Amino acid sequence: MSQDIIKTDEYRSLIADLKTRVQAAQIKAAVTVNTQLIALYWDIGQQIAERQQASGWGDAVIEQIAKDLTRELGGLKGFSRSNLYNMRQWYGFYAAHGEKVQQLVGQIPWGHNVLIINNIKNLDKALWYIRKTIENGWSRNVLAHQIDSQLYERQAEKPRIDNFTERLPAPQSDLARETLKDPYVFDFLSVGDEAHERELETALVERITRFMLELGKGFAFVGRQYHLEVGGEDFYIDLLFYHLRLHCYVAIELKTGPFKPEYTGKLNFYLTALDEQVKMKEDGPSIGLILCRDRNNVIAEYALRDVNKPIGISRYALAATLPEELRASFPTVEEVEAELGKTAAGQGIEEATNAVDPTPEQAAKPVEEQGREILAEVKTARQKRGKKQKGEN
């Protein structure tokens, strides 16, 4: 075959198209296998639960079933005592709530289902995490992180302080409220409670991948200290994002102390400038978010009452509520990331799928390569921070 053919755009396009088709087929096959596996586990859980109830068998029978079933299936994995017990518990947790719930749990992998039933005992909370997993494509590791960080309590349960309902049209205001959390947890940062606003901002940008995971799906980073010129004077927004689902700019102001009423006036001004100078015709109204260490709800509500731009006020925490003397016994964020990076490469579609939305160029590559590239971005940011700290010393 002529080498000239290989060099043509037509040939390269063919290879790229075939590669895309193969990858799409692999994903569809994995989804089909998962659906069938979940249906089988539901059936097994149902059979065990019903036989135990009808015959009065105790939990000891599950171990015997595991041994006999594994032997009859020639040593096939997946039917250990613990996994059969999980099947029965999983079925029992959801069985009384209808076919719709059964269909919903069938849309996430078995490992995700086990993680949820082992950590969550409230049905509404469990279903919320299932829906969020489907919506955001969370891997099991990311789902575990979201449960540990109490995302449900921060996003679904607690009352949020914003004026989105009054300042945005209905579909956009609902989605904007769904994206807001309180508090945001920045436990991946290595800054102390005494950090200044610029230090916090720098640390968040250097760990932008983790920061965007905490913000939620749909955020695209535009820049830090984003420059605006109004009336011949210069102004700077701490952090500027574009939200791909809301189709609008999101300006974030960081405050290391408690919320003060004057913060809303400043951010309202920034949003007006964004809407006048940056927002395109097809974009929605720009949204503001004030992140502060603490907040008096009454003061915050008063401060937002007559502001004409959509603004939310949330708190942030630099670390989870773990006693200082115990933190040293736990691995660092870097150690955890390194371990996750080593395991992700060998775990196939389910676990190699990265929590952060890949770029279009990354999305065209195998999921394992996507994961390595995004982890490399985090590593590069960490190295830059290390060099900066050495220079300061």
Protein backbone atom coordinates (compact mmCIF):
# COMPACT_ATOMS: atom_id res chain seq x y z
CA MET A 1 0.00 0.00 0.00
CA SER A 2 1.26 3.45 -0.89
CA GLN A 3 2.56 5.52 2.04
CA ASP A 4 0.93 8.52 0.38
CA ILE A 5 -2.55 7.19 1.26
CA ILE A 6 -1.67 7.03 4.97
CA LYS A 7 -0.64 10.68 4.94
CA THR A 8 -3.91 11.96 3.45
CA ASP A 9 -6.56 13.78 5.50
CA GLU A 10 -9.16 11.35 4.16
CA TYR A 11 -7.31 8.35 5.63
CA ARG A 12 -6.72 10.08 8.99
CA SER A 13 -10.40 11.03 9.10
CA LEU A 14 -11.37 7.39 8.50
CA ILE A 15 -9.18 6.15 11.37
CA ALA A 16 -10.55 8.81 13.72
CA ASP A 17 -14.13 7.92 12.75
CA LEU A 18 -13.56 4.19 13.28
CA LYS A 19 -11.91 4.85 16.63
CA THR A 20 -14.91 6.89 17.76
CA ARG A 21 -17.31 4.14 16.69
CA VAL A 22 -15.35 1.48 18.57
CA GLN A 23 -15.23 3.57 21.75
CA ALA A 24 -18.97 4.31 21.52
CA ALA A 25 -19.69 0.60 21.12
CA GLN A 26 -17.50 -0.21 24.12
CA ILE A 27 -19.41 2.25 26.29
CA LYS A 28 -22.79 0.93 25.10
CA ALA A 29 -21.67 -2.63 25.82
CA ALA A 30 -20.55 -1.65 29.32
CA VAL A 31 -23.90 0.06 30.00
CA THR A 32 -25.81 -3.01 28.76
CA VAL A 33 -23.74 -5.37 30.90
CA ASN A 34 -24.27 -3.15 33.95
CA THR A 35 -28.05 -3.07 33.42
CA GLN A 36 -28.23 -6.85 33.17
CA LEU A 37 -25.97 -7.33 36.19
CA ILE A 38 -28.04 -4.98 38.34
CA ALA A 39 -31.24 -6.79 37.30
CA LEU A 40 -29.65 -10.12 38.26
CA TYR A 41 -28.50 -8.82 41.66
CA TRP A 42 -31.98 -7.41 42.33
CA ASP A 43 -33.49 -10.82 41.55
CA ILE A 44 -30.98 -12.63 43.79
CA GLY A 45 -31.58 -10.19 46.63
CA GLN A 46 -35.32 -10.65 46.25
CA GLN A 47 -35.07 -14.46 46.25
CA ILE A 48 -32.91 -14.54 49.38
CA ALA A 49 -35.07 -12.02 51.25
CA GLU A 50 -38.32 -13.81 50.43
CA ARG A 51 -36.94 -17.26 51.30
CA GLN A 52 -35.57 -15.99 54.60
CA GLN A 53 -38.89 -14.44 55.51
CA ALA A 54 -40.99 -17.43 54.45
CA SER A 55 -38.78 -20.09 56.02
CA GLY A 56 -37.42 -18.20 59.00
CA TRP A 57 -33.80 -18.60 57.91
CA GLY A 58 -31.20 -16.47 59.67
CA ASP A 59 -28.24 -14.64 58.15
CA ALA A 60 -26.00 -17.69 58.55
CA VAL A 61 -27.67 -19.21 55.50
CA ILE A 62 -26.20 -16.47 53.30
CA GLU A 63 -22.68 -17.78 53.88
CA GLN A 64 -23.78 -21.28 52.88
CA ILE A 65 -25.55 -19.96 49.77
CA ALA A 66 -22.33 -18.13 48.83
CA LYS A 67 -20.25 -21.31 49.11
CA ASP A 68 -22.69 -23.52 47.23
CA LEU A 69 -23.43 -20.99 44.49
CA THR A 70 -19.75 -20.25 43.89
CA ARG A 71 -19.03 -23.97 43.67
CA GLU A 72 -21.94 -24.65 41.30
CA LEU A 73 -20.79 -21.78 39.05
CA GLY A 74 -17.23 -23.09 38.85
CA GLY A 75 -15.66 -20.49 41.14
CA LEU A 76 -17.28 -17.49 39.42
CA LYS A 77 -16.58 -14.31 41.38
CA GLY A 78 -19.22 -11.87 42.58
CA PHE A 79 -21.17 -14.19 44.87
CA SER A 80 -19.26 -13.93 48.13
CA ARG A 81 -21.10 -13.79 51.45
CA SER A 82 -20.61 -10.02 51.70
CA ASN A 83 -21.86 -9.39 48.17
CA LEU A 84 -24.94 -11.61 48.66
CA TYR A 85 -25.64 -9.80 51.91
CA ASN A 86 -25.37 -6.47 50.06
CA MET A 87 -27.84 -7.73 47.42
CA ARG A 88 -30.39 -8.65 50.08
CA GLN A 89 -29.92 -5.34 51.95
CA TRP A 90 -30.10 -3.37 48.70
CA TYR A 91 -33.29 -5.09 47.60
CA GLY A 92 -34.86 -4.66 51.04
CA PHE A 93 -34.00 -0.95 51.13
CA TYR A 94 -35.73 -0.10 47.84
CA ALA A 95 -38.25 -2.93 47.21
CA ALA A 96 -41.29 -1.28 48.79
CA HIS A 97 -40.97 1.88 46.69
CA GLY A 98 -42.05 0.68 43.27
CA GLU A 99 -40.73 -0.06 39.82
CA LYS A 100 -39.54 3.50 39.18
CA VAL A 101 -37.05 3.25 42.02
CA GLN A 102 -35.88 -0.13 40.72
CA GLN A 103 -35.30 1.41 37.29
CA LEU A 104 -33.44 4.35 38.84
CA VAL A 105 -30.98 2.23 40.85
CA GLY A 106 -30.38 0.17 37.71
CA GLN A 107 -28.78 3.17 36.02
CA ILE A 108 -25.68 3.25 38.24
CA PRO A 109 -23.00 0.55 38.68
CA TRP A 110 -23.19 -2.01 41.44
CA GLY A 111 -20.22 -0.53 43.31
CA HIS A 112 -22.05 2.81 43.50
CA ASN A 113 -25.19 1.11 44.82
CA VAL A 114 -23.24 -0.72 47.53
CA LEU A 115 -21.50 2.51 48.56
CA ILE A 116 -24.84 4.28 48.94
CA ILE A 117 -26.67 1.59 50.95
CA ASN A 118 -23.66 1.09 53.22
CA ASN A 119 -23.46 4.79 54.06
CA ILE A 120 -27.01 6.15 53.77
CA LYS A 121 -30.12 4.96 55.61
CA ASN A 122 -32.56 7.64 54.43
CA LEU A 123 -34.41 6.86 51.19
CA ASP A 124 -34.76 10.45 49.93
CA LYS A 125 -31.09 11.09 50.56
CA ALA A 126 -30.06 7.86 48.79
CA LEU A 127 -32.21 8.64 45.75
CA TRP A 128 -30.78 12.18 45.64
CA TYR A 129 -27.23 10.80 45.41
CA ILE A 130 -28.31 8.33 42.71
CA ARG A 131 -29.83 11.11 40.61
CA LYS A 132 -26.76 13.31 41.06
CA THR A 133 -24.50 10.39 40.08
CA ILE A 134 -26.49 9.88 36.87
CA GLU A 135 -26.62 13.61 36.16
CA ASN A 136 -22.90 14.25 36.72
CA GLY A 137 -21.37 10.91 35.72
CA TRP A 138 -19.58 10.51 39.07
CA SER A 139 -17.08 7.70 39.47
CA ARG A 140 -17.30 5.65 42.67
CA ASN A 141 -14.39 7.59 44.19
CA VAL A 142 -16.10 10.91 43.48
CA LEU A 143 -19.41 9.66 44.87
CA ALA A 144 -17.60 8.58 48.06
CA HIS A 145 -16.04 12.06 48.32
CA GLN A 146 -19.41 13.76 47.88
CA ILE A 147 -20.99 11.60 50.59
CA ASP A 148 -18.06 12.19 52.96
CA SER A 149 -18.26 15.94 52.37
CA GLN A 150 -22.03 15.85 53.14
CA LEU A 151 -23.03 17.30 49.80
CA TYR A 152 -26.70 16.45 50.36
CA GLU A 153 -26.79 18.40 53.61
CA ARG A 154 -24.97 21.34 52.02
CA GLN A 155 -26.94 21.48 48.76
CA ALA A 156 -30.36 19.90 49.31
CA GLU A 157 -31.22 20.42 52.98
CA LYS A 158 -29.86 23.74 54.23
CA PRO A 159 -31.65 27.00 53.40
CA ARG A 160 -29.56 29.06 51.00
CA ILE A 161 -29.23 32.83 50.97
CA ASP A 162 -29.75 34.26 47.48
CA ASN A 163 -32.16 36.35 45.42
CA PHE A 164 -32.15 34.08 42.35
CA THR A 165 -35.92 33.50 42.43
CA GLU A 166 -36.61 37.25 42.34
CA ARG A 167 -33.90 38.20 39.83
CA LEU A 168 -33.86 35.31 37.32
CA PRO A 169 -36.55 33.71 35.13
CA ALA A 170 -38.01 30.46 36.50
CA PRO A 171 -35.99 27.77 34.70
CA GLN A 172 -32.69 29.57 35.21
CA SER A 173 -33.41 30.51 38.84
CA ASP A 174 -34.20 26.90 39.74
CA LEU A 175 -31.01 25.62 38.14
CA ALA A 176 -28.95 28.40 39.73
CA ARG A 177 -30.32 27.47 43.18
CA GLU A 178 -29.45 23.82 42.53
CA THR A 179 -25.81 24.75 41.91
CA LEU A 180 -25.45 26.65 45.18
CA LYS A 181 -23.98 24.93 48.26
CA ASP A 182 -23.53 26.00 51.86
CA PRO A 183 -20.84 25.63 52.94
CA TYR A 184 -18.33 24.91 50.20
CA VAL A 185 -15.62 22.60 51.51
CA PHE A 186 -12.05 23.48 50.51
CA ASP A 187 -10.35 20.73 52.50
CA PHE A 188 -8.01 20.08 49.56
CA LEU A 189 -6.15 23.34 50.26
CA SER A 190 -3.03 23.53 52.40
CA VAL A 191 -3.67 27.07 53.65
CA GLY A 192 -4.44 27.85 57.27
CA ASP A 193 -7.37 29.70 58.82
CA GLU A 194 -5.29 32.88 58.89
CA ALA A 195 -4.81 32.95 55.10
CA HIS A 196 -5.51 36.25 53.35
CA GLU A 197 -7.95 36.53 50.46
CA ARG A 198 -5.24 36.63 47.79
CA GLU A 199 -3.55 33.55 49.29
CA LEU A 200 -6.86 31.71 49.26
CA GLU A 201 -7.50 32.78 45.68
CA THR A 202 -4.03 31.62 44.58
CA ALA A 203 -4.46 28.26 46.29
CA LEU A 204 -7.86 27.70 44.64
CA VAL A 205 -6.51 28.52 41.18
CA GLU A 206 -3.54 26.19 41.68
CA ARG A 207 -5.97 23.43 42.62
CA ILE A 208 -8.49 24.45 39.97
CA THR A 209 -9.47 20.87 39.11
CA ARG A 210 -10.52 20.11 42.69
CA PHE A 211 -12.08 23.55 43.09
CA MET A 212 -14.28 23.02 40.02
CA LEU A 213 -15.31 19.59 41.32
CA GLU A 214 -16.50 21.27 44.54
CA LEU A 215 -18.31 24.00 42.58
CA GLY A 216 -20.21 21.36 40.61
CA LYS A 217 -20.83 20.38 37.01
CA GLY A 218 -20.88 22.99 34.26
CA PHE A 219 -18.31 25.53 35.46
CA ALA A 220 -15.64 26.65 32.98
CA PHE A 221 -12.78 28.73 34.38
CA VAL A 222 -12.31 32.12 32.67
CA GLY A 223 -9.70 33.78 34.86
CA ARG A 224 -8.60 35.25 38.18
CA GLN A 225 -8.41 38.97 38.94
CA TYR A 226 -10.48 39.49 35.80
CA HIS A 227 -9.98 43.06 34.64
CA LEU A 228 -12.84 45.48 34.05
CA GLU A 229 -12.50 49.14 33.12
CA VAL A 230 -15.36 51.44 34.06
CA GLY A 231 -15.23 55.20 33.75
CA GLY A 232 -11.49 55.14 33.19
CA GLU A 233 -10.85 53.20 36.42
CA ASP A 234 -9.68 49.60 36.84
CA PHE A 235 -11.58 46.93 38.74
CA TYR A 236 -10.81 43.23 39.26
CA ILE A 237 -13.12 40.26 39.90
CA ASP A 238 -11.48 37.64 42.14
CA LEU A 239 -12.56 34.63 40.05
CA LEU A 240 -14.65 34.52 36.90
CA PHE A 241 -16.34 31.40 35.48
CA TYR A 242 -18.77 30.64 32.69
CA HIS A 243 -21.55 28.17 33.48
CA LEU A 244 -22.24 25.93 30.49
CA ARG A 245 -25.72 24.90 31.61
CA LEU A 246 -26.90 28.31 32.81
CA HIS A 247 -25.24 30.00 29.81
CA CYS A 248 -24.01 32.90 31.89
CA TYR A 249 -20.93 34.31 33.62
CA VAL A 250 -20.48 33.60 37.33
CA ALA A 251 -18.37 36.08 39.31
CA ILE A 252 -16.99 34.85 42.63
CA GLU A 253 -15.71 37.13 45.38
CA LEU A 254 -13.68 35.57 48.20
CA LYS A 255 -13.82 36.98 51.74
CA THR A 256 -11.75 35.50 54.55
CA GLY A 257 -13.89 37.06 57.28
CA PRO A 258 -17.63 37.20 58.03
CA PHE A 259 -20.08 38.59 55.49
CA LYS A 260 -20.55 42.36 55.40
CA PRO A 261 -23.45 44.19 53.67
CA GLU A 262 -21.11 46.29 51.52
CA TYR A 263 -19.92 43.16 49.70
CA THR A 264 -23.22 42.90 47.81
CA GLY A 265 -22.97 46.45 46.48
CA LYS A 266 -19.50 45.84 45.09
CA LEU A 267 -20.49 42.55 43.46
CA ASN A 268 -23.68 44.10 42.09
CA PHE A 269 -21.46 46.70 40.40
CA TYR A 270 -19.23 43.99 38.91
CA LEU A 271 -22.24 42.12 37.52
CA THR A 272 -23.56 45.27 35.88
CA ALA A 273 -20.16 45.79 34.23
CA LEU A 274 -20.04 42.17 33.06
CA ASP A 275 -23.51 42.40 31.56
CA GLU A 276 -22.65 45.63 29.78
CA GLN A 277 -19.13 44.82 28.57
CA VAL A 278 -18.63 41.04 28.45
CA LYS A 279 -21.99 39.25 28.19
CA MET A 280 -23.08 38.29 24.70
CA LYS A 281 -26.62 38.72 23.43
CA GLU A 282 -27.40 35.02 23.81
CA ASP A 283 -26.00 34.80 27.37
CA GLY A 284 -28.18 34.91 30.46
CA PRO A 285 -27.76 37.55 33.19
CA SER A 286 -24.45 37.26 35.02
CA ILE A 287 -24.62 35.73 38.50
CA GLY A 288 -22.57 36.61 41.57
CA LEU A 289 -21.43 34.42 44.44
CA ILE A 290 -19.88 35.72 47.65
CA LEU A 291 -17.87 33.09 49.54
CA CYS A 292 -17.12 34.08 53.14
CA ARG A 293 -15.97 32.30 56.28
CA ASP A 294 -19.14 33.10 58.20
CA ARG A 295 -22.54 34.66 57.63
CA ASN A 296 -25.34 36.17 59.67
CA ASN A 297 -28.46 35.09 57.78
CA VAL A 298 -30.56 38.09 58.77
CA ILE A 299 -27.89 40.58 57.68
CA ALA A 300 -27.35 38.66 54.44
CA GLU A 301 -31.07 38.61 53.62
CA TYR A 302 -31.37 42.35 54.28
CA ALA A 303 -28.31 43.04 52.12
CA LEU A 304 -29.83 41.17 49.15
CA ARG A 305 -33.38 42.48 49.44
CA ASP A 306 -33.06 45.52 47.15
CA VAL A 307 -30.09 44.38 45.05
CA ASN A 308 -31.15 44.14 41.40
CA LYS A 309 -28.60 41.50 40.27
CA PRO A 310 -28.76 37.76 41.08
CA ILE A 311 -26.36 37.09 43.96
CA GLY A 312 -25.85 34.16 46.31
CA ILE A 313 -24.02 34.24 49.65
CA SER A 314 -22.39 31.04 50.89
CA ARG A 315 -19.87 30.05 53.50
CA TYR A 316 -16.75 27.98 52.95
CA ALA A 317 -14.78 25.70 55.21
CA LEU A 318 -11.06 25.04 54.75
CA ALA A 319 -11.29 21.61 56.37
CA ALA A 320 -13.87 19.11 57.50
CA THR A 321 -14.75 19.01 61.19
CA LEU A 322 -11.91 16.65 62.13
CA PRO A 323 -9.95 17.39 65.32
CA GLU A 324 -6.53 18.91 64.61
CA GLU A 325 -4.71 16.20 66.57
CA LEU A 326 -6.22 13.50 64.33
CA ARG A 327 -5.53 15.10 60.95
CA ALA A 328 -1.84 14.15 61.03
CA SER A 329 -2.74 10.45 61.10
CA PHE A 330 -4.64 10.69 57.80
CA PRO A 331 -3.04 10.74 54.31
CA THR A 332 -2.57 14.08 52.60
CA VAL A 333 -4.59 15.12 49.55
CA GLU A 334 -1.49 14.56 47.41
CA GLU A 335 -1.07 11.01 48.73
CA VAL A 336 -4.73 10.22 48.07
CA GLU A 337 -4.55 11.67 44.54
CA ALA A 338 -1.42 9.63 43.81
CA GLU A 339 -3.13 6.44 44.98
CA LEU A 340 -6.28 7.18 42.99
CA GLY A 341 -4.15 7.91 39.94
CA LYS A 342 -2.47 4.49 40.21
CA THR A 343 -5.73 2.59 40.58
CA ALA A 344 -7.79 4.47 38.00
CA ALA A 345 -5.69 3.29 35.05
CA GLY A 346 -6.59 -0.36 35.58
CA GLN A 347 -10.26 -0.18 36.50
CA GLY A 348 -11.96 0.18 33.10
CA ILE A 349 -14.80 2.46 32.13
CA GLU A 350 -16.53 2.67 35.52
CA GLU A 351 -13.61 3.84 37.67
CA ALA A 352 -11.36 5.47 35.08
CA THR A 353 -14.02 8.02 34.18
CA ASN A 354 -12.75 11.26 35.68
CA ALA A 355 -14.96 13.47 37.83
CA VAL A 356 -13.96 16.62 35.99
CA ASP A 357 -15.54 17.30 32.62
CA PRO A 358 -12.76 16.70 30.02
CA THR A 359 -11.95 19.17 27.29
CA PRO A 360 -13.23 18.32 23.77
CA GLU A 361 -9.71 17.14 22.86
CA GLN A 362 -9.56 14.93 25.96
CA ALA A 363 -13.07 13.60 25.38
CA ALA A 364 -11.96 12.14 22.05
CA LYS A 365 -9.37 10.00 23.83
CA PRO A 366 -9.78 6.80 25.85
CA VAL A 367 -10.98 7.38 29.40
CA GLU A 368 -7.71 6.10 30.87
CA GLU A 369 -5.76 8.71 28.88
CA GLN A 370 -8.25 11.42 29.90
CA GLY A 371 -7.66 10.57 33.53
CA ARG A 372 -3.87 10.67 33.17
CA GLU A 373 -4.00 14.05 31.44
CA ILE A 374 -6.25 15.67 34.04
CA LEU A 375 -4.16 14.24 36.88
CA ALA A 376 -1.09 15.65 35.12
CA GLU A 377 -2.71 19.10 35.19
CA VAL A 378 -3.18 18.80 38.94
CA LYS A 379 0.42 17.65 39.35
CA THR A 380 1.73 20.59 37.30
CA ALA A 381 -0.21 23.08 39.44
CA ARG A 382 1.15 21.44 42.59
CA GLN A 383 4.74 21.64 41.28
CA LYS A 384 4.32 25.34 40.52
CA ARG A 385 3.12 25.94 44.05
CA GLY A 386 6.13 24.04 45.42
CA LYS A 387 8.55 26.14 43.36
CA LYS A 388 6.84 29.33 44.50
CA GLN A 389 7.07 28.30 48.16
CA LYS A 390 10.79 27.47 47.75
CA GLY A 391 11.37 30.87 46.18
CA GLU A 392 9.63 32.61 49.08
CA ASN A 393 11.80 30.68 51.56
